[in-house]
N, C-alpha and C. Protein backbone atom coordinates (compact mmCIF):
# COMPACT_ATOMS: atom_id res chain seq x y z
N MET A 1 55.63 87.87 -52.83
CA MET A 1 54.38 87.27 -53.29
C MET A 1 53.68 86.60 -52.10
N THR A 2 52.45 86.98 -51.89
CA THR A 2 51.70 86.40 -50.78
C THR A 2 51.13 85.04 -51.17
N LEU A 3 50.74 84.26 -50.16
CA LEU A 3 50.13 82.96 -50.42
C LEU A 3 48.82 83.13 -51.18
N HIS A 4 48.10 84.19 -50.86
CA HIS A 4 46.84 84.46 -51.57
C HIS A 4 47.08 84.70 -53.06
N ALA A 5 48.12 85.47 -53.38
CA ALA A 5 48.45 85.75 -54.78
C ALA A 5 48.86 84.46 -55.49
N TRP A 6 49.60 83.62 -54.78
CA TRP A 6 50.02 82.34 -55.40
C TRP A 6 48.81 81.45 -55.70
N TRP A 7 47.86 81.39 -54.79
CA TRP A 7 46.66 80.58 -55.02
C TRP A 7 45.86 81.12 -56.20
N LEU A 8 45.76 82.43 -56.32
CA LEU A 8 45.09 83.02 -57.48
C LEU A 8 45.79 82.62 -58.77
N PHE A 9 47.12 82.61 -58.71
CA PHE A 9 47.91 82.20 -59.88
C PHE A 9 47.63 80.75 -60.23
N VAL A 10 47.58 79.88 -59.23
CA VAL A 10 47.32 78.46 -59.46
C VAL A 10 45.97 78.26 -60.13
N VAL A 11 44.95 78.91 -59.58
CA VAL A 11 43.60 78.77 -60.16
C VAL A 11 43.58 79.26 -61.61
N ALA A 12 44.25 80.37 -61.86
CA ALA A 12 44.26 80.93 -63.22
C ALA A 12 44.94 79.99 -64.20
N ILE A 13 46.08 79.44 -63.82
CA ILE A 13 46.80 78.60 -64.78
C ILE A 13 46.19 77.21 -64.91
N VAL A 14 45.48 76.74 -63.89
CA VAL A 14 44.76 75.47 -64.04
C VAL A 14 43.75 75.61 -65.18
N LEU A 15 43.07 76.74 -65.23
CA LEU A 15 42.10 76.98 -66.29
C LEU A 15 42.79 77.23 -67.63
N LEU A 16 43.87 78.01 -67.61
CA LEU A 16 44.58 78.34 -68.84
C LEU A 16 45.26 77.12 -69.46
N CYS A 17 45.94 76.34 -68.64
CA CYS A 17 46.67 75.19 -69.16
C CYS A 17 45.72 74.11 -69.68
N GLY A 18 44.54 74.02 -69.07
CA GLY A 18 43.58 73.00 -69.50
C GLY A 18 42.94 73.31 -70.83
N THR A 19 43.01 74.58 -71.25
CA THR A 19 42.44 74.96 -72.54
C THR A 19 43.25 74.34 -73.67
N PRO A 20 42.61 73.64 -74.61
CA PRO A 20 43.36 73.00 -75.69
C PRO A 20 44.20 73.98 -76.49
N GLY A 21 45.44 73.64 -76.70
CA GLY A 21 46.36 74.44 -77.49
C GLY A 21 47.29 73.50 -78.25
N PRO A 22 48.27 74.05 -78.97
CA PRO A 22 49.18 73.18 -79.75
C PRO A 22 49.87 72.11 -78.91
N ASN A 23 50.36 72.47 -77.72
CA ASN A 23 51.05 71.48 -76.88
C ASN A 23 50.13 70.34 -76.48
N MET A 24 48.94 70.69 -75.97
CA MET A 24 48.00 69.66 -75.52
C MET A 24 47.56 68.77 -76.68
N LEU A 25 47.30 69.40 -77.82
CA LEU A 25 46.88 68.62 -78.99
C LEU A 25 48.00 67.68 -79.43
N HIS A 26 49.23 68.17 -79.39
CA HIS A 26 50.37 67.33 -79.79
C HIS A 26 50.52 66.14 -78.86
N VAL A 27 50.43 66.37 -77.55
CA VAL A 27 50.54 65.28 -76.58
C VAL A 27 49.43 64.26 -76.81
N MET A 28 48.21 64.73 -77.06
CA MET A 28 47.10 63.81 -77.26
C MET A 28 47.29 62.97 -78.52
N THR A 29 47.75 63.60 -79.60
CA THR A 29 47.94 62.84 -80.84
C THR A 29 49.08 61.84 -80.70
N ARG A 30 50.13 62.19 -79.96
CA ARG A 30 51.21 61.22 -79.73
C ARG A 30 50.69 60.04 -78.89
N SER A 31 49.82 60.31 -77.96
CA SER A 31 49.26 59.25 -77.13
C SER A 31 48.34 58.36 -77.94
N VAL A 32 47.55 58.97 -78.82
CA VAL A 32 46.67 58.18 -79.70
C VAL A 32 47.50 57.25 -80.57
N ALA A 33 48.61 57.77 -81.08
CA ALA A 33 49.43 57.00 -82.01
C ALA A 33 50.30 55.95 -81.32
N PHE A 34 50.86 56.29 -80.15
CA PHE A 34 51.88 55.42 -79.56
C PHE A 34 51.62 55.03 -78.11
N GLY A 35 50.54 55.53 -77.52
CA GLY A 35 50.24 55.20 -76.13
C GLY A 35 50.73 56.28 -75.17
N ALA A 36 50.11 56.32 -74.00
CA ALA A 36 50.43 57.36 -73.01
C ALA A 36 51.88 57.27 -72.55
N ARG A 37 52.39 56.05 -72.36
CA ARG A 37 53.76 55.91 -71.85
C ARG A 37 54.77 56.44 -72.86
N ARG A 38 54.59 56.10 -74.13
CA ARG A 38 55.52 56.57 -75.15
C ARG A 38 55.42 58.08 -75.35
N SER A 39 54.24 58.63 -75.11
CA SER A 39 54.06 60.06 -75.31
C SER A 39 54.75 60.89 -74.24
N MET A 40 55.27 60.25 -73.20
CA MET A 40 55.96 61.00 -72.14
C MET A 40 57.17 61.74 -72.68
N ALA A 41 57.81 61.20 -73.69
CA ALA A 41 58.96 61.90 -74.29
C ALA A 41 58.49 63.19 -74.96
N ALA A 42 57.34 63.15 -75.63
CA ALA A 42 56.78 64.35 -76.24
C ALA A 42 56.40 65.36 -75.16
N MET A 43 55.83 64.86 -74.05
CA MET A 43 55.48 65.74 -72.93
C MET A 43 56.73 66.44 -72.41
N ALA A 44 57.81 65.68 -72.26
CA ALA A 44 59.07 66.26 -71.75
C ALA A 44 59.59 67.35 -72.68
N GLY A 45 59.45 67.13 -73.99
CA GLY A 45 59.90 68.14 -74.95
C GLY A 45 59.08 69.41 -74.86
N CYS A 46 57.75 69.26 -74.79
CA CYS A 46 56.87 70.42 -74.66
C CYS A 46 57.15 71.18 -73.37
N LEU A 47 57.34 70.42 -72.28
CA LEU A 47 57.55 71.05 -70.97
C LEU A 47 58.89 71.78 -70.91
N THR A 48 59.92 71.18 -71.49
CA THR A 48 61.23 71.83 -71.53
C THR A 48 61.15 73.16 -72.27
N ALA A 49 60.47 73.15 -73.41
CA ALA A 49 60.31 74.38 -74.18
C ALA A 49 59.52 75.42 -73.39
N LEU A 50 58.47 74.97 -72.72
CA LEU A 50 57.65 75.89 -71.94
C LEU A 50 58.47 76.58 -70.84
N VAL A 51 59.25 75.79 -70.10
CA VAL A 51 60.05 76.35 -69.01
C VAL A 51 61.08 77.34 -69.57
N LEU A 52 61.70 77.00 -70.69
CA LEU A 52 62.69 77.91 -71.29
C LEU A 52 62.05 79.22 -71.71
N VAL A 53 60.86 79.14 -72.32
CA VAL A 53 60.18 80.35 -72.77
C VAL A 53 59.76 81.21 -71.59
N LEU A 54 59.19 80.59 -70.55
CA LEU A 54 58.78 81.34 -69.37
C LEU A 54 59.98 81.98 -68.67
N ALA A 55 61.08 81.23 -68.57
CA ALA A 55 62.28 81.77 -67.94
C ALA A 55 62.85 82.92 -68.77
N ALA A 56 62.81 82.78 -70.10
CA ALA A 56 63.31 83.84 -70.96
C ALA A 56 62.46 85.09 -70.82
N SER A 57 61.15 84.89 -70.72
CA SER A 57 60.26 86.04 -70.54
C SER A 57 60.54 86.75 -69.21
N ALA A 58 60.72 85.95 -68.15
CA ALA A 58 61.02 86.54 -66.84
C ALA A 58 62.35 87.28 -66.86
N ALA A 59 63.27 86.82 -67.72
CA ALA A 59 64.59 87.45 -67.80
C ALA A 59 64.59 88.69 -68.67
N GLY A 60 63.46 89.00 -69.29
CA GLY A 60 63.38 90.22 -70.07
C GLY A 60 63.52 90.06 -71.56
N VAL A 61 63.47 88.81 -72.06
CA VAL A 61 63.61 88.60 -73.51
C VAL A 61 62.44 89.23 -74.27
N SER A 62 61.25 89.25 -73.64
CA SER A 62 60.09 89.86 -74.31
C SER A 62 60.36 91.32 -74.64
N ALA A 63 60.97 92.03 -73.69
CA ALA A 63 61.31 93.43 -73.94
C ALA A 63 62.33 93.57 -75.06
N LEU A 64 63.26 92.61 -75.11
CA LEU A 64 64.27 92.62 -76.17
C LEU A 64 63.62 92.42 -77.53
N LEU A 65 62.65 91.50 -77.61
CA LEU A 65 61.96 91.25 -78.87
C LEU A 65 61.10 92.45 -79.27
N ALA A 66 60.57 93.15 -78.27
CA ALA A 66 59.78 94.35 -78.56
C ALA A 66 60.67 95.41 -79.21
N ALA A 67 61.95 95.44 -78.80
CA ALA A 67 62.88 96.40 -79.38
C ALA A 67 63.34 95.96 -80.78
N TRP A 68 63.27 94.66 -81.03
CA TRP A 68 63.65 94.11 -82.33
C TRP A 68 62.48 93.32 -82.92
N PRO A 69 61.47 94.01 -83.42
CA PRO A 69 60.26 93.32 -83.90
C PRO A 69 60.52 92.35 -85.05
N ARG A 70 61.57 92.59 -85.82
CA ARG A 70 61.86 91.67 -86.92
C ARG A 70 62.25 90.29 -86.42
N VAL A 71 62.95 90.26 -85.28
CA VAL A 71 63.31 88.96 -84.69
C VAL A 71 62.05 88.23 -84.24
N PHE A 72 61.14 88.98 -83.60
CA PHE A 72 59.88 88.37 -83.18
C PHE A 72 59.11 87.85 -84.39
N ASP A 73 59.06 88.64 -85.46
CA ASP A 73 58.35 88.21 -86.66
C ASP A 73 58.96 86.95 -87.25
N ALA A 74 60.29 86.86 -87.22
CA ALA A 74 60.95 85.66 -87.73
C ALA A 74 60.54 84.43 -86.92
N LEU A 75 60.52 84.57 -85.60
CA LEU A 75 60.08 83.47 -84.75
C LEU A 75 58.63 83.12 -85.01
N ARG A 76 57.81 84.14 -85.19
CA ARG A 76 56.38 83.92 -85.42
C ARG A 76 56.15 83.18 -86.73
N TYR A 77 56.82 83.60 -87.78
CA TYR A 77 56.64 82.95 -89.08
C TYR A 77 57.15 81.50 -89.05
N ALA A 78 58.23 81.28 -88.30
CA ALA A 78 58.73 79.91 -88.17
C ALA A 78 57.70 79.04 -87.45
N GLY A 79 57.08 79.59 -86.39
CA GLY A 79 56.04 78.85 -85.68
C GLY A 79 54.84 78.58 -86.55
N VAL A 80 54.42 79.58 -87.32
CA VAL A 80 53.29 79.40 -88.24
C VAL A 80 53.58 78.30 -89.24
N ALA A 81 54.78 78.35 -89.84
CA ALA A 81 55.15 77.37 -90.85
C ALA A 81 55.16 75.95 -90.27
N TYR A 82 55.67 75.80 -89.05
CA TYR A 82 55.76 74.47 -88.46
C TYR A 82 54.38 73.92 -88.12
N LEU A 83 53.50 74.76 -87.56
CA LEU A 83 52.16 74.30 -87.22
C LEU A 83 51.38 73.92 -88.48
N ILE A 84 51.49 74.70 -89.52
CA ILE A 84 50.80 74.38 -90.77
C ILE A 84 51.38 73.11 -91.39
N PHE A 85 52.70 72.96 -91.29
CA PHE A 85 53.34 71.73 -91.78
C PHE A 85 52.78 70.50 -91.07
N LEU A 86 52.64 70.59 -89.73
CA LEU A 86 52.09 69.46 -88.98
C LEU A 86 50.65 69.19 -89.40
N GLY A 87 49.89 70.25 -89.63
CA GLY A 87 48.51 70.07 -90.05
C GLY A 87 48.40 69.39 -91.40
N ILE A 88 49.21 69.82 -92.35
CA ILE A 88 49.19 69.22 -93.68
C ILE A 88 49.67 67.77 -93.61
N LYS A 89 50.69 67.52 -92.79
CA LYS A 89 51.20 66.16 -92.63
C LYS A 89 50.14 65.24 -92.07
N ALA A 90 49.40 65.72 -91.05
CA ALA A 90 48.34 64.90 -90.46
C ALA A 90 47.22 64.66 -91.47
N TRP A 91 46.88 65.67 -92.24
CA TRP A 91 45.80 65.55 -93.22
C TRP A 91 46.18 64.57 -94.32
N ARG A 92 47.40 64.69 -94.85
CA ARG A 92 47.82 63.83 -95.96
C ARG A 92 48.03 62.38 -95.52
N GLY A 93 48.44 62.20 -94.24
CA GLY A 93 48.67 60.85 -93.75
C GLY A 93 47.48 60.30 -92.98
N ALA A 94 46.31 60.92 -93.15
CA ALA A 94 45.13 60.54 -92.36
C ALA A 94 44.84 59.06 -92.47
N GLY A 95 44.71 58.42 -91.30
CA GLY A 95 44.37 57.01 -91.24
C GLY A 95 45.53 56.06 -91.40
N GLN A 96 46.74 56.59 -91.66
CA GLN A 96 47.89 55.73 -91.92
C GLN A 96 48.81 55.61 -90.71
N GLY A 97 48.59 56.41 -89.65
CA GLY A 97 49.48 56.37 -88.50
C GLY A 97 50.74 57.16 -88.79
N ASP A 98 51.62 57.24 -87.78
CA ASP A 98 52.83 58.06 -87.90
C ASP A 98 54.08 57.25 -88.16
N GLY A 99 54.05 55.98 -87.94
CA GLY A 99 55.26 55.19 -88.11
C GLY A 99 55.35 54.58 -89.50
N ALA A 100 56.55 54.58 -90.05
CA ALA A 100 56.76 53.91 -91.33
C ALA A 100 56.78 52.41 -91.11
N PRO A 101 56.20 51.62 -92.04
CA PRO A 101 56.14 50.18 -91.81
C PRO A 101 57.50 49.51 -91.85
N ILE A 102 57.68 48.50 -91.01
CA ILE A 102 58.89 47.69 -90.97
C ILE A 102 58.58 46.31 -91.54
N ASP A 103 59.38 45.89 -92.48
CA ASP A 103 59.15 44.60 -93.10
C ASP A 103 59.62 43.48 -92.17
N VAL A 104 58.71 42.57 -91.82
CA VAL A 104 59.05 41.44 -90.95
C VAL A 104 58.61 40.14 -91.62
N GLY A 105 58.94 40.03 -92.89
CA GLY A 105 58.54 38.82 -93.61
C GLY A 105 57.23 39.04 -94.33
N LYS A 106 56.25 38.21 -93.99
CA LYS A 106 54.95 38.32 -94.65
C LYS A 106 54.12 39.49 -94.13
N ASP A 107 54.44 39.94 -92.94
CA ASP A 107 53.66 41.03 -92.33
C ASP A 107 54.51 42.27 -92.19
N THR A 108 53.84 43.36 -91.99
CA THR A 108 54.53 44.61 -91.69
C THR A 108 53.92 45.19 -90.43
N ILE A 109 54.76 45.85 -89.64
CA ILE A 109 54.27 46.49 -88.43
C ILE A 109 54.75 47.94 -88.44
N PRO A 110 54.00 48.85 -87.87
CA PRO A 110 54.43 50.24 -87.87
C PRO A 110 55.58 50.45 -86.91
N SER A 111 56.55 51.23 -87.31
CA SER A 111 57.66 51.55 -86.42
C SER A 111 57.22 52.61 -85.43
N THR A 112 57.91 52.65 -84.30
CA THR A 112 57.63 53.66 -83.28
C THR A 112 58.81 54.62 -83.23
N PRO A 113 58.58 55.93 -83.33
CA PRO A 113 59.69 56.89 -83.26
C PRO A 113 60.46 56.74 -81.95
N SER A 114 61.73 57.05 -82.00
CA SER A 114 62.54 56.99 -80.79
C SER A 114 62.11 58.05 -79.81
N ALA A 115 62.50 57.87 -78.54
CA ALA A 115 62.18 58.85 -77.52
C ALA A 115 62.79 60.20 -77.88
N ARG A 116 63.98 60.18 -78.48
CA ARG A 116 64.63 61.44 -78.87
C ARG A 116 63.81 62.18 -79.91
N ARG A 117 63.29 61.44 -80.88
CA ARG A 117 62.49 62.07 -81.93
C ARG A 117 61.18 62.63 -81.36
N LEU A 118 60.55 61.88 -80.46
CA LEU A 118 59.32 62.36 -79.83
C LEU A 118 59.59 63.60 -78.98
N PHE A 119 60.71 63.58 -78.26
CA PHE A 119 61.10 64.75 -77.46
C PHE A 119 61.32 65.95 -78.36
N ARG A 120 62.04 65.74 -79.44
CA ARG A 120 62.34 66.85 -80.35
C ARG A 120 61.06 67.44 -80.94
N GLY A 121 60.12 66.57 -81.32
CA GLY A 121 58.86 67.06 -81.86
C GLY A 121 58.10 67.91 -80.86
N GLY A 122 58.05 67.45 -79.60
CA GLY A 122 57.38 68.21 -78.56
C GLY A 122 58.08 69.53 -78.29
N PHE A 123 59.40 69.50 -78.29
CA PHE A 123 60.17 70.72 -78.02
C PHE A 123 59.93 71.77 -79.10
N VAL A 124 59.94 71.35 -80.35
CA VAL A 124 59.74 72.29 -81.45
C VAL A 124 58.35 72.90 -81.39
N ILE A 125 57.35 72.08 -81.05
CA ILE A 125 55.98 72.59 -80.90
C ILE A 125 55.96 73.69 -79.83
N GLY A 126 56.58 73.41 -78.68
CA GLY A 126 56.55 74.37 -77.57
C GLY A 126 57.34 75.62 -77.83
N ILE A 127 58.50 75.49 -78.46
CA ILE A 127 59.40 76.63 -78.62
C ILE A 127 58.99 77.51 -79.80
N SER A 128 58.13 76.99 -80.68
CA SER A 128 57.77 77.73 -81.90
C SER A 128 56.56 78.63 -81.70
N ASN A 129 56.17 78.86 -80.44
CA ASN A 129 55.02 79.70 -80.16
C ASN A 129 55.44 80.97 -79.42
N PRO A 130 55.85 82.01 -80.14
CA PRO A 130 56.31 83.24 -79.48
C PRO A 130 55.19 83.95 -78.73
N LYS A 131 53.93 83.57 -79.01
CA LYS A 131 52.81 84.18 -78.28
C LYS A 131 52.92 83.93 -76.79
N LEU A 132 53.57 82.81 -76.42
CA LEU A 132 53.74 82.50 -75.00
C LEU A 132 54.63 83.54 -74.32
N LEU A 133 55.62 84.07 -75.05
CA LEU A 133 56.48 85.12 -74.50
C LEU A 133 55.67 86.35 -74.14
N LEU A 134 54.77 86.72 -75.04
CA LEU A 134 53.94 87.89 -74.78
C LEU A 134 53.00 87.65 -73.60
N PHE A 135 52.44 86.45 -73.57
CA PHE A 135 51.53 86.11 -72.47
C PHE A 135 52.26 86.16 -71.13
N ALA A 136 53.43 85.53 -71.08
CA ALA A 136 54.19 85.48 -69.83
C ALA A 136 54.61 86.88 -69.38
N ALA A 137 54.99 87.71 -70.34
CA ALA A 137 55.44 89.07 -70.00
C ALA A 137 54.30 89.89 -69.40
N ALA A 138 53.07 89.63 -69.84
CA ALA A 138 51.93 90.39 -69.33
C ALA A 138 51.31 89.75 -68.10
N PHE A 139 51.44 88.43 -67.98
CA PHE A 139 50.70 87.69 -66.94
C PHE A 139 51.50 87.50 -65.66
N LEU A 140 52.72 87.02 -65.76
CA LEU A 140 53.50 86.68 -64.58
C LEU A 140 53.73 87.87 -63.64
N PRO A 141 54.09 89.06 -64.15
CA PRO A 141 54.38 90.17 -63.23
C PRO A 141 53.20 90.58 -62.34
N GLN A 142 51.98 90.23 -62.73
CA GLN A 142 50.82 90.61 -61.93
C GLN A 142 50.83 89.94 -60.55
N PHE A 143 51.57 88.83 -60.42
CA PHE A 143 51.58 88.09 -59.16
C PHE A 143 52.88 88.28 -58.38
N VAL A 144 53.70 89.20 -58.84
CA VAL A 144 55.00 89.44 -58.21
C VAL A 144 54.94 90.67 -57.33
N ASP A 145 55.46 90.53 -56.14
CA ASP A 145 55.56 91.66 -55.20
C ASP A 145 56.81 92.47 -55.54
N ARG A 146 56.60 93.68 -56.01
CA ARG A 146 57.73 94.52 -56.45
C ARG A 146 58.63 94.93 -55.29
N ALA A 147 58.11 94.87 -54.08
CA ALA A 147 58.90 95.28 -52.92
C ALA A 147 59.82 94.18 -52.43
N ALA A 148 59.65 92.96 -52.94
CA ALA A 148 60.47 91.81 -52.52
C ALA A 148 61.37 91.39 -53.68
N PRO A 149 62.43 90.62 -53.40
CA PRO A 149 63.29 90.14 -54.47
C PRO A 149 62.48 89.39 -55.54
N GLN A 150 62.68 89.75 -56.79
CA GLN A 150 61.82 89.21 -57.84
C GLN A 150 62.26 87.86 -58.41
N PRO A 151 63.57 87.58 -58.57
CA PRO A 151 63.96 86.29 -59.15
C PRO A 151 63.37 85.07 -58.43
N PRO A 152 63.38 85.00 -57.08
CA PRO A 152 62.77 83.83 -56.42
C PRO A 152 61.27 83.72 -56.70
N GLN A 153 60.60 84.86 -56.80
CA GLN A 153 59.17 84.83 -57.07
C GLN A 153 58.89 84.30 -58.48
N PHE A 154 59.66 84.78 -59.44
CA PHE A 154 59.49 84.28 -60.82
C PHE A 154 59.80 82.79 -60.89
N ALA A 155 60.81 82.35 -60.15
CA ALA A 155 61.17 80.93 -60.13
C ALA A 155 60.00 80.09 -59.61
N ILE A 156 59.34 80.57 -58.55
CA ILE A 156 58.19 79.86 -57.99
C ILE A 156 57.04 79.81 -59.00
N LEU A 157 56.80 80.94 -59.66
CA LEU A 157 55.72 80.98 -60.64
C LEU A 157 55.98 80.06 -61.82
N VAL A 158 57.21 80.07 -62.32
CA VAL A 158 57.55 79.20 -63.45
C VAL A 158 57.45 77.73 -63.05
N ALA A 159 57.95 77.39 -61.86
CA ALA A 159 57.88 76.01 -61.39
C ALA A 159 56.43 75.57 -61.21
N THR A 160 55.60 76.45 -60.66
CA THR A 160 54.19 76.13 -60.48
C THR A 160 53.51 75.91 -61.82
N PHE A 161 53.80 76.80 -62.76
CA PHE A 161 53.25 76.68 -64.11
C PHE A 161 53.63 75.33 -64.72
N ALA A 162 54.89 74.94 -64.56
CA ALA A 162 55.37 73.69 -65.14
C ALA A 162 54.67 72.47 -64.52
N VAL A 163 54.46 72.50 -63.21
CA VAL A 163 53.78 71.38 -62.54
C VAL A 163 52.35 71.25 -63.04
N VAL A 164 51.63 72.37 -63.09
CA VAL A 164 50.24 72.34 -63.55
C VAL A 164 50.17 71.89 -65.01
N GLU A 165 51.05 72.42 -65.83
CA GLU A 165 51.07 72.04 -67.24
C GLU A 165 51.32 70.55 -67.41
N SER A 166 52.27 70.00 -66.64
CA SER A 166 52.58 68.57 -66.76
C SER A 166 51.41 67.71 -66.33
N ILE A 167 50.66 68.15 -65.33
CA ILE A 167 49.47 67.40 -64.91
C ILE A 167 48.45 67.36 -66.04
N TRP A 168 48.26 68.48 -66.70
CA TRP A 168 47.33 68.51 -67.82
C TRP A 168 47.85 67.66 -68.98
N TYR A 169 49.16 67.62 -69.20
CA TYR A 169 49.71 66.73 -70.22
C TYR A 169 49.28 65.30 -69.93
N GLY A 170 49.39 64.91 -68.66
CA GLY A 170 49.00 63.56 -68.28
C GLY A 170 47.53 63.30 -68.56
N VAL A 171 46.69 64.28 -68.26
CA VAL A 171 45.25 64.13 -68.52
C VAL A 171 44.99 63.93 -70.01
N TYR A 172 45.63 64.75 -70.85
CA TYR A 172 45.43 64.63 -72.30
C TYR A 172 46.02 63.33 -72.84
N ALA A 173 47.12 62.90 -72.26
CA ALA A 173 47.73 61.64 -72.71
C ALA A 173 46.83 60.45 -72.39
N VAL A 174 46.30 60.42 -71.18
CA VAL A 174 45.39 59.34 -70.81
C VAL A 174 44.13 59.39 -71.67
N GLY A 175 43.64 60.61 -71.92
CA GLY A 175 42.48 60.76 -72.78
C GLY A 175 42.75 60.28 -74.19
N GLY A 176 43.96 60.59 -74.70
CA GLY A 176 44.33 60.14 -76.03
C GLY A 176 44.42 58.63 -76.12
N GLN A 177 44.97 58.00 -75.09
CA GLN A 177 45.08 56.55 -75.09
C GLN A 177 43.69 55.90 -75.05
N ALA A 178 42.79 56.50 -74.27
CA ALA A 178 41.42 55.98 -74.22
C ALA A 178 40.72 56.18 -75.57
N LEU A 179 40.97 57.33 -76.19
CA LEU A 179 40.36 57.62 -77.49
C LEU A 179 40.85 56.65 -78.56
N ALA A 180 42.12 56.23 -78.44
CA ALA A 180 42.70 55.34 -79.45
C ALA A 180 41.92 54.02 -79.55
N ARG A 181 41.31 53.59 -78.46
CA ARG A 181 40.54 52.34 -78.48
C ARG A 181 39.32 52.45 -79.39
N HIS A 182 38.86 53.67 -79.62
CA HIS A 182 37.69 53.88 -80.47
C HIS A 182 38.07 54.25 -81.90
N LEU A 183 39.38 54.29 -82.17
CA LEU A 183 39.84 54.70 -83.49
C LEU A 183 40.49 53.54 -84.25
N THR A 184 40.10 52.33 -83.91
CA THR A 184 40.68 51.17 -84.58
C THR A 184 40.19 51.03 -86.01
N ARG A 185 39.00 51.57 -86.30
CA ARG A 185 38.49 51.54 -87.67
C ARG A 185 39.21 52.60 -88.49
N PRO A 186 39.76 52.23 -89.66
CA PRO A 186 40.51 53.21 -90.47
C PRO A 186 39.72 54.47 -90.80
N ALA A 187 38.41 54.32 -91.04
CA ALA A 187 37.60 55.49 -91.40
C ALA A 187 37.56 56.49 -90.25
N LEU A 188 37.40 55.99 -89.01
CA LEU A 188 37.36 56.88 -87.85
C LEU A 188 38.72 57.52 -87.61
N ARG A 189 39.79 56.73 -87.78
CA ARG A 189 41.13 57.28 -87.59
C ARG A 189 41.43 58.35 -88.64
N ARG A 190 40.91 58.14 -89.85
CA ARG A 190 41.11 59.13 -90.90
C ARG A 190 40.43 60.45 -90.53
N VAL A 191 39.22 60.36 -90.01
CA VAL A 191 38.50 61.56 -89.60
C VAL A 191 39.25 62.27 -88.47
N PHE A 192 39.73 61.50 -87.49
CA PHE A 192 40.47 62.08 -86.36
C PHE A 192 41.72 62.80 -86.86
N ASP A 193 42.48 62.16 -87.73
CA ASP A 193 43.72 62.76 -88.22
C ASP A 193 43.44 64.04 -89.00
N ARG A 194 42.37 64.04 -89.78
CA ARG A 194 42.05 65.23 -90.57
C ARG A 194 41.54 66.36 -89.68
N VAL A 195 40.78 66.02 -88.66
CA VAL A 195 40.31 67.06 -87.74
C VAL A 195 41.49 67.69 -86.99
N THR A 196 42.38 66.84 -86.46
CA THR A 196 43.53 67.39 -85.74
C THR A 196 44.45 68.16 -86.69
N GLY A 197 44.58 67.68 -87.93
CA GLY A 197 45.38 68.42 -88.90
C GLY A 197 44.79 69.79 -89.17
N GLY A 198 43.46 69.86 -89.28
CA GLY A 198 42.80 71.14 -89.48
C GLY A 198 42.98 72.07 -88.30
N ILE A 199 42.97 71.49 -87.09
CA ILE A 199 43.16 72.32 -85.89
C ILE A 199 44.59 72.87 -85.84
N PHE A 200 45.58 72.05 -86.20
CA PHE A 200 46.96 72.55 -86.23
C PHE A 200 47.10 73.71 -87.22
N VAL A 201 46.48 73.57 -88.40
CA VAL A 201 46.51 74.66 -89.37
C VAL A 201 45.84 75.89 -88.80
N GLY A 202 44.73 75.69 -88.09
CA GLY A 202 44.03 76.81 -87.45
C GLY A 202 44.90 77.51 -86.43
N PHE A 203 45.64 76.72 -85.62
CA PHE A 203 46.57 77.33 -84.66
C PHE A 203 47.63 78.16 -85.38
N GLY A 204 48.12 77.64 -86.50
CA GLY A 204 49.14 78.36 -87.26
C GLY A 204 48.60 79.68 -87.81
N LEU A 205 47.38 79.65 -88.35
CA LEU A 205 46.79 80.87 -88.89
C LEU A 205 46.50 81.88 -87.78
N ALA A 206 46.10 81.37 -86.59
CA ALA A 206 45.86 82.26 -85.46
C ALA A 206 47.16 82.93 -85.02
N LEU A 207 48.26 82.16 -85.02
CA LEU A 207 49.56 82.72 -84.64
C LEU A 207 49.99 83.79 -85.63
N LEU A 208 49.57 83.66 -86.87
CA LEU A 208 49.93 84.65 -87.89
C LEU A 208 49.37 86.03 -87.57
N GLN A 209 48.29 86.06 -86.77
CA GLN A 209 47.65 87.33 -86.43
C GLN A 209 48.31 88.03 -85.23
N VAL A 210 49.19 87.31 -84.54
CA VAL A 210 49.81 87.89 -83.33
C VAL A 210 50.79 88.98 -83.72
N ARG A 211 50.71 90.09 -83.01
CA ARG A 211 51.63 91.20 -83.25
C ARG A 211 52.30 91.60 -81.94
N MET A 212 53.52 92.09 -82.04
CA MET A 212 54.28 92.52 -80.86
C MET A 212 53.75 93.85 -80.35
């Protein structure tokens, strides 16, 4: 892989990663609910899933799924179900926040999910999108020099993708924290939750159209 090809790859994924998708929306909503610092666990979960999916694609799992379309369909339906579940959950809980209240005498305060729970939520969001396998299988090889050893090149591409993706996570997290300052009114927070819930459902329905 030449330096020129790598720079083309960087430019392409800067644009691709910045486009709102399930991962970015999830990071932003976690930041709105719990702050940018707490959302880092969700970012780590999304990023871990992303790296695993990209590595699996580079290792040839996409070709394996093409040979077993029923396995791909099972993954796709699981992803659809989870995204729609998140959308319905956000819609039904609109304006109420994500934490269950903790009784502290006369007052109640919302609980904050543990870092493990936030990580798990981010990981499930990232791993439940089999469309990424198809994208990686078609996109990554375009920047690989077939005449040179391929594993190191794929490793560089996956690492670069992960760095760019994590930077965009930070941008969305900071944006979510800034947005939270304007969502202190319950009516506005209700609208935000319902809009994001509708977008999650839309992502799920879009994933339903993906075919191997």
